[in-house]
Protein backbone atom coordinates (compact mmCIF):
# COMPACT_ATOMS: atom_id res chain seq x y z
CA UNK A 1 108.34 22.38 21.79
CA UNK A 2 107.33 20.29 19.32
CA UNK A 3 105.11 18.81 21.28
CA UNK A 4 102.64 22.31 21.76
CA UNK A 5 102.37 21.93 18.09
CA UNK A 6 100.48 18.74 18.61
CA UNK A 7 98.51 19.78 21.53
CA UNK A 8 97.06 22.96 19.98
CA UNK A 9 96.41 20.61 16.81
CA UNK A 10 94.44 18.10 18.87
CA UNK A 11 92.26 20.78 20.90
CA UNK A 12 91.19 22.54 17.37
CA UNK A 13 90.26 19.25 16.61
CA UNK A 14 88.43 18.46 19.70
CA UNK A 15 86.85 22.05 18.58
CA UNK A 16 86.11 20.90 15.31
CA UNK A 17 84.39 17.85 16.64
CA UNK A 18 82.53 19.48 19.15
CA UNK A 19 81.31 22.15 16.77
CA UNK A 20 80.61 19.33 14.53
CA UNK A 21 78.23 17.76 17.08
CA UNK A 22 75.91 20.59 17.92
CA UNK A 23 75.67 21.12 14.75
CA UNK A 24 74.40 17.67 13.76
CA UNK A 25 71.67 17.93 17.83
CA UNK A 26 70.82 21.30 16.25
CA UNK A 27 69.38 19.75 13.25
CA UNK A 28 68.04 16.77 14.77
CA UNK A 29 66.21 18.94 17.31
CA UNK A 30 65.10 21.14 14.44
CA UNK A 31 64.09 18.14 12.51
CA UNK A 32 62.28 17.22 15.83
CA UNK A 33 60.91 20.25 15.45
CA UNK A 34 59.72 20.83 11.73
CA UNK A 35 57.96 17.02 12.33
CA UNK A 36 56.33 17.95 15.46
CA UNK A 37 54.86 20.92 14.06
CA UNK A 38 53.24 19.06 10.70
CA UNK A 39 51.84 16.78 13.02
CA UNK A 40 50.30 19.31 14.76
CA UNK A 41 49.39 21.30 11.22
CA UNK A 42 48.06 17.73 10.25
CA UNK A 43 45.72 17.38 13.98
CA UNK A 44 44.66 20.93 13.47
CA UNK A 45 43.22 20.64 10.14
CA UNK A 46 41.19 17.62 10.52
CA UNK A 47 39.77 18.76 13.51
CA UNK A 48 38.94 21.73 11.58
CA UNK A 49 37.59 19.54 9.03
CA UNK A 50 35.56 17.48 11.07
CA UNK A 51 34.12 20.92 12.96
CA UNK A 52 33.43 21.74 9.23
CA UNK A 53 31.88 19.07 8.34
CA UNK A 54 29.31 19.16 11.80
CA UNK A 55 28.38 22.77 11.26
CA UNK A 56 27.06 21.92 7.69
CA UNK A 57 25.55 18.86 8.62
CA UNK A 58 23.78 21.15 12.05
CA UNK A 59 22.90 23.92 8.99
CA UNK A 60 21.30 21.11 7.12
CA UNK A 61 18.94 19.64 9.62
CA UNK A 62 16.34 22.55 9.13
CA UNK A 63 16.36 21.80 5.48
CA UNK A 64 16.27 17.93 6.32
CA UNK A 65 13.59 17.93 8.82
CA UNK A 66 11.71 20.38 5.94
CA UNK A 67 12.40 17.84 2.87
CA UNK A 68 11.26 14.55 4.86
CA UNK A 69 8.02 16.53 6.23
CA UNK A 70 6.71 16.84 3.12
CA UNK A 71 6.49 12.98 2.74
CA UNK A 72 5.23 12.68 5.80
CA UNK A 73 1.26 12.25 6.98
CA UNK A 74 0.12 14.44 10.26
CA UNK A 75 0.37 11.36 12.41
CA UNK A 76 4.23 10.71 11.34
CA UNK A 77 4.52 15.06 11.63
CA UNK A 78 3.48 14.85 15.01
CA UNK A 79 4.84 11.25 16.23
CA UNK A 80 6.29 11.00 19.73
CA UNK A 81 9.58 10.23 19.97
CA UNK A 82 10.28 11.82 17.05
CA UNK A 83 10.34 9.97 13.02
CA UNK A 84 12.78 11.30 11.37
CA UNK A 85 11.68 9.91 7.99
CA UNK A 86 8.27 9.35 6.47
CA UNK A 87 6.84 5.16 6.83
CA UNK A 88 5.87 2.88 3.97
CA UNK A 89 1.56 2.61 3.87
CA UNK A 90 0.76 -0.86 4.67
CA UNK A 91 0.13 -3.49 2.15
CA UNK A 92 -3.84 -4.01 2.72
CA UNK A 93 -5.76 -6.31 0.64
CA UNK A 94 -8.75 -6.30 2.63
CA UNK A 95 -10.97 -3.48 4.99
CA UNK A 96 -12.08 -3.03 7.26
CA UNK A 97 -8.07 -3.81 9.20
CA UNK A 98 -6.23 -2.66 12.27
CA UNK A 99 -2.98 -0.90 12.21
CA UNK A 100 -0.56 -3.22 13.57
CA UNK A 101 2.27 -1.51 16.66
CA UNK A 102 0.40 1.55 16.67
CA UNK A 103 1.95 2.22 20.00
CA UNK A 104 4.14 0.31 22.29
CA UNK A 105 3.65 -2.74 24.49
CA UNK A 106 1.89 -1.90 27.80
CA UNK A 107 5.04 -1.76 30.41
CA UNK A 108 5.65 -1.62 33.99
CA UNK A 109 5.02 1.87 36.04
CA UNK A 110 8.07 2.51 37.60
CA UNK A 111 6.51 2.69 41.21
CA UNK A 112 4.75 -0.60 40.92
CA UNK A 113 6.62 -3.56 42.38
CA UNK A 114 7.85 -6.25 39.47
CA UNK A 115 6.19 -8.97 41.72
CA UNK A 116 2.94 -6.76 42.27
CA UNK A 117 2.51 -6.10 38.23
CA UNK A 118 2.46 -10.46 36.96
CA UNK A 119 -1.13 -10.11 38.96
CA UNK A 120 -1.96 -6.36 38.33
CA UNK A 121 -1.48 -6.39 34.72
CA UNK A 122 -3.88 -9.11 33.05
CA UNK A 123 -6.77 -7.31 35.75
CA UNK A 124 -5.60 -3.99 34.88
CA UNK A 125 -5.94 -5.05 30.87
CA UNK A 126 -9.42 -7.02 31.42
CA UNK A 127 -10.84 -3.98 33.23
CA UNK A 128 -9.72 -0.91 30.23
CA UNK A 129 -11.39 -3.46 28.05
CA UNK A 130 -14.15 -3.82 29.60
CA UNK A 131 -14.71 -0.24 30.10
CA UNK A 132 -14.01 0.63 26.30
CA UNK A 133 -15.98 -2.04 25.22
CA UNK A 134 -19.13 -0.22 27.19
CA UNK A 135 -18.39 2.75 25.51
CA UNK A 136 -18.32 1.10 22.22
CA UNK A 137 -21.69 0.10 22.58
CA UNK A 138 -22.76 3.65 23.79
CA UNK A 139 -21.48 4.95 20.14
CA UNK A 140 -23.15 4.72 17.08
CA UNK A 141 -20.70 5.54 15.27
CA UNK A 142 -18.77 1.96 16.00
CA UNK A 143 -22.40 -0.31 15.65
CA UNK A 144 -21.20 -2.07 12.61
CA UNK A 145 -16.95 -2.56 13.94
CA UNK A 146 -15.78 -5.63 13.77
CA UNK A 147 -14.38 -7.09 16.23
CA UNK A 148 -11.09 -9.37 16.42
CA UNK A 149 -8.41 -9.83 19.04
CA UNK A 150 -5.77 -7.55 17.42
CA UNK A 151 -8.28 -4.44 17.84
CA UNK A 152 -8.51 -5.49 21.39
CA UNK A 153 -4.94 -5.84 22.30
CA UNK A 154 -4.32 -2.34 19.52
CA UNK A 155 -6.88 -0.23 21.48
CA UNK A 156 -6.16 -1.68 25.54
CA UNK A 157 -1.92 -0.75 24.32
CA UNK A 158 -3.09 2.91 23.43
CA UNK A 159 -5.43 3.16 26.32
CA UNK A 160 -2.65 2.44 28.78
CA UNK A 161 -0.32 4.36 26.93
CA UNK A 162 -2.42 7.67 27.57
CA UNK A 163 -3.44 6.33 31.19
CA UNK A 164 0.02 5.85 32.30
CA UNK A 165 1.22 9.66 31.30
CA UNK A 166 -2.66 11.27 32.88
CA UNK A 167 -2.89 9.51 36.16
CA UNK A 168 -0.50 10.86 39.40
CA UNK A 169 1.82 8.63 40.43
CA UNK A 170 -0.02 8.19 44.29
CA UNK A 171 -2.63 5.73 41.84
CA UNK A 172 0.13 3.04 41.79
CA UNK A 173 1.10 3.73 45.38
CA UNK A 174 -2.36 1.91 45.90
CA UNK A 175 -4.09 -1.86 46.69
CA UNK A 176 -4.89 -3.91 43.66
CA UNK A 177 -8.67 -2.52 43.80
CA UNK A 178 -7.89 0.81 44.72
CA UNK A 179 -5.18 1.36 41.40
CA UNK A 180 -7.82 -1.17 38.85
CA UNK A 181 -10.56 0.70 40.02
CA UNK A 182 -9.18 4.06 39.38
CA UNK A 183 -7.83 2.58 35.49
CA UNK A 184 -11.19 2.22 34.92
CA UNK A 185 -12.71 5.28 35.66
CA UNK A 186 -9.46 7.43 34.01
CA UNK A 187 -11.05 5.73 30.65
CA UNK A 188 -13.25 8.19 29.32
CA UNK A 189 -15.41 8.47 26.00
CA UNK A 190 -13.11 10.86 24.47
CA UNK A 191 -10.12 8.77 24.71
CA UNK A 192 -11.81 5.85 23.15
CA UNK A 193 -12.54 7.62 20.44
CA UNK A 194 -9.40 8.77 19.89
CA UNK A 195 -7.81 5.25 19.63
CA UNK A 196 -10.14 4.24 17.96
CA UNK A 197 -9.58 6.00 14.85
CA UNK A 198 -5.95 5.68 14.77
CA UNK A 199 -6.38 1.82 15.14
CA UNK A 200 -9.39 1.09 12.93
CA UNK A 201 -9.96 1.45 9.46
CA UNK A 202 -13.13 1.26 7.63
CA UNK A 203 -14.56 2.46 4.17
CA UNK A 204 -17.91 4.34 4.79
CA UNK A 205 -20.33 5.87 3.13
CA UNK A 206 -22.34 9.32 3.85
CA UNK A 207 -25.36 10.80 2.27
CA UNK A 208 -25.14 11.48 -1.01
CA UNK A 209 -25.94 15.19 -2.69
CA UNK A 210 -27.03 16.53 -6.27
CA UNK A 211 -26.49 19.77 -6.94
CA UNK A 212 -27.57 21.24 -10.32
CA UNK A 213 -26.37 24.35 -12.12
CA UNK A 214 -28.38 26.87 -10.38
CA UNK A 215 -26.41 25.37 -7.46
CA UNK A 216 -29.51 23.86 -5.57
CA UNK A 217 -28.04 20.76 -3.45
CA UNK A 218 -30.53 17.87 -3.11
CA UNK A 219 -29.69 15.23 -0.21
CA UNK A 220 -30.53 11.74 -1.51
CA UNK A 221 -31.66 10.34 1.91
CA UNK A 222 -32.90 6.88 0.01
CA UNK A 223 -29.78 5.16 -1.87
CA UNK A 224 -29.59 1.50 -1.31
CA UNK A 225 -25.87 0.83 -2.72
CA UNK A 226 -25.54 -2.80 -3.79
CA UNK A 227 -22.86 -5.52 -4.87
CA UNK A 228 -22.59 -8.31 -6.64
CA UNK A 229 -22.79 -11.47 -4.24
CA UNK A 230 -20.24 -13.43 -4.03
CA UNK A 231 -17.57 -10.58 -5.20
CA UNK A 232 -15.65 -10.11 -2.09
CA UNK A 233 -17.64 -6.95 -0.91
CA UNK A 234 -19.92 -6.69 1.55
CA UNK A 235 -22.81 -3.30 2.69
CA UNK A 236 -23.36 -3.20 6.05
CA UNK A 237 -26.15 -0.28 6.77
CA UNK A 238 -25.16 1.71 9.46
CA UNK A 239 -27.68 3.14 12.38
CA UNK A 240 -24.99 6.28 12.71
CA UNK A 241 -27.03 8.99 11.18
CA UNK A 242 -23.99 10.25 9.48
CA UNK A 243 -22.80 7.06 8.33
CA UNK A 244 -24.99 5.51 4.98
CA UNK A 245 -23.01 2.16 4.94
CA UNK A 246 -20.31 0.99 5.70
CA UNK A 247 -17.90 -1.02 3.04
CA UNK A 248 -16.19 -4.46 3.32
CA UNK A 249 -13.92 -5.74 0.64
CA UNK A 250 -11.64 -8.73 -0.48
CA UNK A 251 -9.23 -8.12 -2.74
CA UNK A 252 -7.46 -11.77 -2.62
CA UNK A 253 -9.35 -12.84 -5.58
CA UNK A 254 -9.45 -9.64 -7.84
CA UNK A 255 -8.00 -6.13 -7.39
CA UNK A 256 -10.99 -4.50 -8.54
CA UNK A 257 -14.81 -4.17 -6.82
CA UNK A 258 -17.89 -2.36 -7.70
CA UNK A 259 -20.51 -0.84 -5.67
CA UNK A 260 -23.87 0.03 -7.75
CA UNK A 261 -26.94 1.86 -6.95
CA UNK A 262 -29.89 3.35 -8.99
CA UNK A 263 -31.92 6.51 -7.94
CA UNK A 264 -33.97 8.43 -9.01
CA UNK A 265 -33.02 11.78 -9.58
CA UNK A 266 -34.53 15.04 -9.39
CA UNK A 267 -32.93 17.25 -12.53
CA UNK A 268 -31.85 15.97 -15.82
CA UNK A 269 -28.25 14.63 -16.51
CA UNK A 270 -27.40 17.47 -18.44
CA UNK A 271 -28.67 19.98 -15.34
CA UNK A 272 -26.40 18.55 -12.81
CA UNK A 273 -23.45 20.33 -11.95
CA UNK A 274 -22.29 18.24 -9.80
CA UNK A 275 -22.04 15.15 -7.74
CA UNK A 276 -20.91 15.32 -3.90
CA UNK A 277 -20.40 12.10 -1.30
CA UNK A 278 -18.82 12.28 1.49
CA UNK A 279 -16.38 9.33 2.49
CA UNK A 280 -14.56 8.27 5.48
CA UNK A 281 -11.54 6.50 3.76
CA UNK A 282 -8.98 3.29 5.36
CA UNK A 283 -5.95 5.37 4.39
CA UNK A 284 -5.21 2.98 2.09
CA UNK A 285 -4.72 4.44 -0.51
CA UNK A 286 -6.41 2.26 -2.84
CA UNK A 287 -8.28 3.91 -5.79
CA UNK A 288 -12.26 4.91 -6.02
CA UNK A 289 -14.08 5.68 -8.54
CA UNK A 290 -17.71 6.98 -10.13
CA UNK A 291 -19.14 6.33 -13.41
CA UNK A 292 -22.81 8.08 -13.74
CA UNK A 293 -24.92 6.42 -16.59
CA UNK A 294 -28.57 7.45 -17.44
CA UNK A 295 -30.70 4.93 -20.08
CA UNK A 296 -33.10 5.75 -22.29
CA UNK A 297 -35.78 4.14 -24.00
CA UNK A 298 -34.48 3.30 -27.13
CA UNK A 299 -31.87 1.02 -25.24
CA UNK A 300 -29.10 3.52 -25.44
CA UNK A 301 -27.73 5.28 -22.56
CA UNK A 302 -25.18 8.23 -22.05
CA UNK A 303 -22.03 7.52 -18.91
CA UNK A 304 -19.76 9.98 -17.91
CA UNK A 305 -16.76 8.54 -16.55
CA UNK A 306 -14.29 10.27 -14.05
CA UNK A 307 -10.88 11.84 -15.81
CA UNK A 308 -9.03 10.77 -12.55
CA UNK A 309 -9.92 8.32 -9.06
CA UNK A 310 -10.09 9.45 -5.59
CA UNK A 311 -7.39 8.31 -3.55
CA UNK A 312 -8.91 6.87 0.01
CA UNK A 313 -5.55 8.41 1.52
CA UNK A 314 -7.25 9.38 4.75
CA UNK A 315 -8.99 7.52 7.55
CA UNK A 316 -11.46 10.91 8.31
CA UNK A 317 -14.48 11.91 6.34
CA UNK A 318 -14.40 14.07 3.03
CA UNK A 319 -16.58 15.37 0.38
CA UNK A 320 -15.59 12.84 -2.70
CA UNK A 321 -17.16 16.13 -5.69
CA UNK A 322 -17.67 14.47 -9.32
CA UNK A 323 -17.89 17.25 -11.42
CA UNK A 324 -19.99 16.99 -14.42
CA UNK A 325 -21.08 20.10 -15.94
CA UNK A 326 -19.75 23.82 -15.15
CA UNK A 327 -15.84 25.27 -14.74
CA UNK A 328 -14.43 24.44 -11.31
CA UNK A 329 -13.14 27.85 -9.50
CA UNK A 330 -9.91 28.71 -7.83
CA UNK A 331 -11.70 26.65 -4.75
CA UNK A 332 -12.77 23.50 -6.68
CA UNK A 333 -9.48 22.44 -8.24
CA UNK A 334 -9.95 19.09 -5.95
CA UNK A 335 -13.16 18.12 -7.78
CA UNK A 336 -13.16 15.47 -10.19
CA UNK A 337 -14.29 16.41 -13.72
CA UNK A 338 -15.82 14.04 -15.61
CA UNK A 339 -16.53 13.62 -19.12
CA UNK A 340 -19.28 11.99 -21.14
CA UNK A 341 -18.77 8.75 -23.12
CA UNK A 342 -21.42 7.35 -25.10
CA UNK A 343 -22.51 4.02 -24.75
CA UNK A 344 -25.15 0.94 -25.23
CA UNK A 345 -25.39 -0.46 -22.29
CA UNK A 346 -29.13 -0.53 -20.67
CA UNK A 347 -30.12 -0.12 -17.16
CA UNK A 348 -32.86 -2.20 -16.25
CA UNK A 349 -35.29 -0.02 -13.81
CA UNK A 350 -36.86 -1.56 -10.75
CA UNK A 351 -39.50 0.48 -9.93
CA UNK A 352 -42.46 2.01 -11.43
CA UNK A 353 -40.57 5.19 -12.17
CA UNK A 354 -39.77 6.30 -15.56
CA UNK A 355 -36.35 5.75 -16.83
CA UNK A 356 -35.19 8.68 -18.13
CA UNK A 357 -35.82 9.85 -14.44
CA UNK A 358 -32.80 7.33 -13.05
CA UNK A 359 -29.30 7.58 -12.27
CA UNK A 360 -27.41 4.64 -12.02
CA UNK A 361 -24.27 4.96 -9.83
CA UNK A 362 -21.05 2.05 -9.83
CA UNK A 363 -18.23 2.83 -7.23
CA UNK A 364 -15.29 1.04 -8.29
CA UNK A 365 -12.23 0.05 -5.92
CA UNK A 366 -9.73 -0.36 -6.77
CA UNK A 367 -6.15 -1.57 -5.76
CA UNK A 368 -2.71 -0.55 -7.87
CA UNK A 369 0.39 -1.97 -7.66
CA UNK A 370 1.79 -0.82 -4.63
CA UNK A 371 5.02 1.17 -6.23
CA UNK A 372 1.90 3.23 -7.00
CA UNK A 373 0.44 3.58 -3.63
CA UNK A 374 3.89 3.97 -2.47
CA UNK A 375 3.95 6.92 -4.51
CA UNK A 376 0.73 8.43 -4.12
CA UNK A 377 2.13 8.37 -0.39
CA UNK A 378 4.56 9.94 -0.56
CA UNK A 379 3.19 12.90 -2.60
CA UNK A 380 -0.35 13.28 -0.92
CA UNK A 381 0.95 16.22 0.41
CA UNK A 382 2.15 18.32 -2.71
CA UNK A 383 -1.46 16.41 -4.55
CA UNK A 384 -3.81 18.10 -1.68
CA UNK A 385 -1.49 21.40 -1.88
CA UNK A 386 -2.12 22.19 -5.53
CA UNK A 387 -6.03 21.38 -5.10
CA UNK A 388 -6.73 22.67 -1.90
CA UNK A 389 -5.28 26.27 -2.59
CA UNK A 390 -4.00 27.81 -5.70
CA UNK A 391 -0.46 27.53 -5.29
CA UNK A 392 0.28 28.23 -8.76
CA UNK A 393 -1.06 31.57 -8.36
CA UNK A 394 0.33 32.49 -5.19
CA UNK A 395 3.58 30.86 -7.28
CA UNK A 396 3.34 33.43 -10.14
CA UNK A 397 2.55 36.21 -8.10
CA UNK A 398 5.19 36.22 -6.47
CA UNK A 399 7.76 35.17 -9.65
CA UNK A 400 6.49 38.96 -11.04
CA UNK A 401 6.84 40.98 -7.86
CA UNK A 402 10.08 39.50 -6.63
CA UNK A 403 11.57 39.87 -10.30
CA UNK A 404 10.08 43.18 -11.05
CA UNK A 405 10.98 44.74 -7.46
CA UNK A 406 14.83 42.95 -8.73
CA UNK A 407 15.47 44.40 -12.21
CA UNK A 408 14.05 48.01 -10.66
CA UNK A 409 16.64 47.97 -7.62
CA UNK A 410 19.31 46.87 -10.15
CA UNK A 411 18.38 49.81 -12.31
CA UNK A 412 18.50 52.72 -10.15
CA UNK A 413 20.96 51.66 -7.46
CA UNK A 414 23.02 50.96 -10.02
CA UNK A 415 22.68 54.92 -11.36
CA UNK A 416 22.23 56.04 -8.39
CA UNK A 417 25.85 54.64 -7.10
CA UNK A 418 27.33 55.46 -10.08
CA UNK A 419 26.10 59.30 -9.53
CA UNK A 420 27.63 59.07 -5.73
CA UNK A 421 30.56 57.83 -7.22
CA UNK A 422 31.13 59.53 -10.54
CA UNK A 423 29.64 63.33 -10.02
CA UNK A 424 30.64 66.31 -7.98
CA UNK A 425 28.02 68.08 -7.24
CA UNK A 426 26.68 70.43 -4.24
CA UNK A 427 25.83 68.83 -1.22
CA UNK A 428 26.56 65.42 -2.03
CA UNK A 429 28.33 64.49 0.98
CA UNK A 430 25.44 65.57 2.76
CA UNK A 431 23.15 63.93 0.80
CA UNK A 432 25.07 60.59 0.81
CA UNK A 433 25.62 60.75 4.86
CA UNK A 434 21.29 60.87 4.72
CA UNK A 435 21.80 57.87 2.79
CA UNK A 436 23.39 56.21 5.02
CA UNK A 437 21.56 57.33 8.37
CA UNK A 438 18.15 55.85 6.51
CA UNK A 439 19.95 51.74 6.83
CA UNK A 440 19.66 52.65 10.31
CA UNK A 441 15.72 53.50 10.56
CA UNK A 442 13.49 50.32 11.06
CA UNK A 443 11.45 50.09 8.56
CA UNK A 444 8.15 48.89 10.83
CA UNK A 445 8.19 52.95 11.92
CA UNK A 446 7.76 53.40 8.44
CA UNK A 447 4.59 51.03 7.83
CA UNK A 448 1.64 53.64 9.15
CA UNK A 449 2.96 56.90 6.89
CA UNK A 450 3.35 54.65 3.62
CA UNK A 451 0.51 52.63 4.23
CA UNK A 452 -1.07 56.11 4.67
CA UNK A 453 0.71 57.28 1.31
CA UNK A 454 -0.97 53.97 -0.54
CA UNK A 455 -3.76 54.71 0.35
CA UNK A 456 -3.95 58.61 -0.76
CA UNK A 457 -2.62 57.67 -3.89
CA UNK A 458 -5.05 54.88 -4.73
CA UNK A 459 -2.51 52.43 -4.75
CA UNK A 460 -3.84 49.58 -2.20
CA UNK A 461 -4.65 46.12 -3.44
CA UNK A 462 -1.93 46.33 -6.26
CA UNK A 463 1.44 45.11 -7.02
CA UNK A 464 2.89 48.35 -7.60
CA UNK A 465 2.22 49.33 -4.18
CA UNK A 466 4.56 46.21 -3.70
CA UNK A 467 7.24 47.08 -6.21
CA UNK A 468 7.66 50.34 -6.43
CA UNK A 469 8.36 51.88 -2.94
CA UNK A 470 11.29 49.59 -2.69
CA UNK A 471 12.97 49.85 -6.03
CA UNK A 472 15.62 51.90 -4.53
CA UNK A 473 17.38 50.64 -1.42
CA UNK A 474 20.05 52.88 0.52
CA UNK A 475 21.89 49.68 1.22
CA UNK A 476 22.20 48.84 -2.80
CA UNK A 477 22.62 52.32 -3.66
CA UNK A 478 25.66 52.05 -1.08
CA UNK A 479 27.24 48.65 -2.49
CA UNK A 480 27.21 50.06 -6.16
CA UNK A 481 29.11 53.63 -4.87
CA UNK A 482 32.02 51.26 -2.97
CA UNK A 483 31.99 49.40 -6.20
CA UNK A 484 32.28 52.14 -8.73
CA UNK A 485 34.45 54.06 -6.92
CA UNK A 486 37.42 51.84 -7.64
CA UNK A 487 36.84 52.05 -11.53
CA UNK A 488 39.21 54.68 -12.74
CA UNK A 489 38.52 57.92 -13.90
CA UNK A 490 40.98 57.42 -16.60
CA UNK A 491 39.05 55.11 -18.05
CA UNK A 492 35.54 56.96 -18.53
CA UNK A 493 37.22 60.32 -19.27
CA UNK A 494 38.59 58.30 -22.55
CA UNK A 495 35.21 57.47 -23.10
CA UNK A 496 34.12 60.96 -22.88
CA UNK A 497 36.66 62.02 -25.70
CA UNK A 498 36.07 58.98 -27.67
CA UNK A 499 32.06 60.46 -28.03
CA UNK A 500 30.63 57.96 -25.67
CA UNK A 501 27.03 59.82 -23.90
CA UNK A 502 26.72 59.70 -20.33
CA UNK A 503 24.14 57.09 -20.63
CA UNK A 504 26.83 54.89 -23.14
CA UNK A 505 29.52 55.32 -20.81
CA UNK A 506 27.27 53.96 -17.56
CA UNK A 507 25.59 51.02 -20.21
CA UNK A 508 29.04 50.15 -21.70
CA UNK A 509 31.61 50.25 -19.52
CA UNK A 510 30.92 51.17 -15.78
CA UNK A 511 28.00 47.45 -15.41
CA UNK A 512 30.22 45.25 -17.13
CA UNK A 513 32.89 45.94 -14.61
CA UNK A 514 30.67 45.73 -11.62
CA UNK A 515 28.66 43.20 -12.71
CA UNK A 516 29.97 40.92 -9.78
CA UNK A 517 28.39 43.54 -7.31
CA UNK A 518 25.12 43.41 -9.06
CA UNK A 519 24.86 39.33 -9.08
CA UNK A 520 25.57 40.00 -4.82
CA UNK A 521 22.82 42.63 -4.95
CA UNK A 522 20.48 40.47 -7.25
CA UNK A 523 20.59 37.46 -4.95
CA UNK A 524 19.98 40.20 -1.82
CA UNK A 525 17.02 41.70 -3.75
CA UNK A 526 15.33 38.85 -4.99
CA UNK A 527 15.54 37.27 -1.67
CA UNK A 528 14.21 40.10 0.61
CA UNK A 529 10.97 40.75 -1.68
CA UNK A 530 10.68 36.75 -2.66
CA UNK A 531 10.31 36.15 1.38
CA UNK A 532 8.53 39.76 1.89
CA UNK A 533 5.32 39.06 4.28
CA UNK A 534 4.72 41.90 6.32
CA UNK A 535 3.86 44.76 3.20
CA UNK A 536 2.08 42.51 1.16
CA UNK A 537 0.59 41.15 4.15
CA UNK A 538 -0.90 45.15 4.91
CA UNK A 539 -1.46 46.16 1.21
CA UNK A 540 -3.23 43.35 -0.33
CA UNK A 541 -6.99 42.14 -0.28
CA UNK A 542 -7.60 39.88 -2.89
CA UNK A 543 -6.02 36.67 -2.28
CA UNK A 544 -5.55 36.12 -6.24
CA UNK A 545 -3.08 38.26 -5.57
CA UNK A 546 -1.52 36.73 -2.65
CA UNK A 547 2.07 35.85 -2.72
CA UNK A 548 4.00 32.33 -1.66
CA UNK A 549 4.13 33.67 2.18
CA UNK A 550 0.70 34.72 2.74
CA UNK A 551 -0.86 31.92 0.67
CA UNK A 552 1.49 29.36 3.06
CA UNK A 553 0.61 31.26 6.34
CA UNK A 554 -3.11 30.28 5.53
CA UNK A 555 -2.33 26.99 5.64
CA UNK A 556 -1.99 26.90 9.42
CA UNK A 557 -4.68 28.84 11.50
CA UNK A 558 -7.17 28.20 13.67
CA UNK A 559 -9.40 25.76 11.76
CA UNK A 560 -6.69 24.28 9.78
CA UNK A 561 -3.54 22.90 10.30
CA UNK A 562 -1.76 21.22 7.36
CA UNK A 563 1.85 21.38 8.32
CA UNK A 564 2.43 18.58 6.02
CA UNK A 565 0.84 20.93 2.99
CA UNK A 566 2.97 23.69 4.60
CA UNK A 567 6.46 21.34 4.49
CA UNK A 568 5.83 20.90 0.64
CA UNK A 569 4.54 24.43 -0.36
CA UNK A 570 7.92 26.13 1.30
CA UNK A 571 10.38 23.19 -0.46
CA UNK A 572 8.61 24.13 -3.56
CA UNK A 573 9.07 27.74 -2.82
CA UNK A 574 13.20 27.05 -2.28
CA UNK A 575 13.65 25.99 -5.88
CA UNK A 576 13.16 29.49 -7.87
CA UNK A 577 15.84 30.63 -4.74
CA UNK A 578 17.93 27.37 -5.41
CA UNK A 579 18.02 28.17 -9.14
CA UNK A 580 18.90 31.49 -8.74
CA UNK A 581 21.68 31.45 -6.85
CA UNK A 582 23.43 28.65 -8.90
CA UNK A 583 23.12 30.85 -11.86
CA UNK A 584 24.83 33.75 -9.99
CA UNK A 585 26.74 31.95 -8.07
CA UNK A 586 30.24 32.91 -10.23
CA UNK A 587 29.07 36.77 -9.63
CA UNK A 588 28.01 36.38 -6.16
CA UNK A 589 30.94 35.06 -5.02
CA UNK A 590 33.63 37.40 -7.26
CA UNK A 591 30.87 39.87 -5.27
CA UNK A 592 31.46 39.25 -2.14
CA UNK A 593 35.55 38.14 -2.16
CA UNK A 594 36.67 41.06 -4.50
CA UNK A 595 38.85 44.01 -2.43
CA UNK A 596 39.55 40.92 -0.38
CA UNK A 597 43.01 39.94 -1.89
CA UNK A 598 45.72 42.91 -2.34
CA UNK A 599 47.04 42.52 -5.97
């Protein structure tokens, strides 16, 4: 009997040990599961963050491309392979010069054997250059070129890149003589001209023109440009009909060079409206200025100095225009204004022409600091944008239309939403249903009848036709109605008891409460009006009334493709949208999240 309680006690003690061990085992398993769950949560969150960063980066790629392209030249925008960032301009101390590393080195085609290529490459290089020399000698535009080994290397490499991509693969299967003949025959003048213009840089001057106040233009065919001896500047006459003279200069001794000419003027200087000089720059971003002076018999002269220099930013022919008198038009903003300066300098006449009919011209080429050159290169698209098109007028037009349309939309849509939300009247549900159904009608369907209506009431080519028809939108009324419904009617009744008018209730109570919704509608309406293209394009006829989307679209057409200026103008057009979003960010976020959290 004494042994039975002991066994029972031992049994109970063993059960307790088993129970405690099981509990501890369960706790260990649960803690292990919690650690595993925490690790999985961290991995999930980390992966989610990485995906969010990747998605944000992908959405920023177009904006990054837009930003960098606004600083690029046309060659950099269309470069193959893609050039993501603009390059710095070369440090040019003398001209003409050769653009180095414009094309990759000559490489072996895939179909040619390595042992054959060692002997074939020198023959191909020599054959390409011999054919190139034939085309250069036959082209009058290249008559003044300065030969060099760099020029031969760069042109040969450029032609090789063109030939490798254009010749069929069967060419490389033949014998050496056949390959050389076919490659040599494939070198055409158009290909040489393209490569030449991309690697050879030289300043050239065309025929000067003088325009009087009556818009009569007189070409000056007999202008003889001269330089002072031993100044590092040379003038070479050209047999090309477009080029009067080619210019060589060197800035190693001085950063300023001068070229002058004295010509008989057909009109007096006080009757000269502008002077036009065609210039082919060397893309060195050096600065060129023109000073015009006329001496008189007393020894004192009148000189006109430019207000800003002409930048040699392009390697193409462009007209540099200096305006002496008259007011430039909207499309003449690129003209350089000249101011009159009294001077006592006397210009000696070298002919029997009367002194009062002589016009003394002095061209100055100046090399600024390299930081100024980099700045001029990066901002060239922005400067050309303001000179080429009336961008400021386009911008003001868009700001006025978008602001007026947004204000009217906020006013009428909030009034309509207030009426549908807080007033009971006959046909309310039917009218609201018709309003919602109108949101499903595409805008393109309304173009023709809406245009006919604008024509009948005489609103074509006016801002009223753009602003007023879209001052009330079905989406805006629906959005305002959904927000105003959440306002307690007891609050409005209390205001009526206190003697507040209906418009006072709307202005003092409803509008402050629905401020988040107004912020969201503001951004939505402003974006729609700011980016509107089709309807303004149909309505507007006068270019002075164009909005930004229409004006920017005209930068790219059949005869003009200024993608750099288009990128610059598009980037500037984003500024008002960014500023508006930053100003309305709080209201916009509240308008989006309002009602999403249950209190």
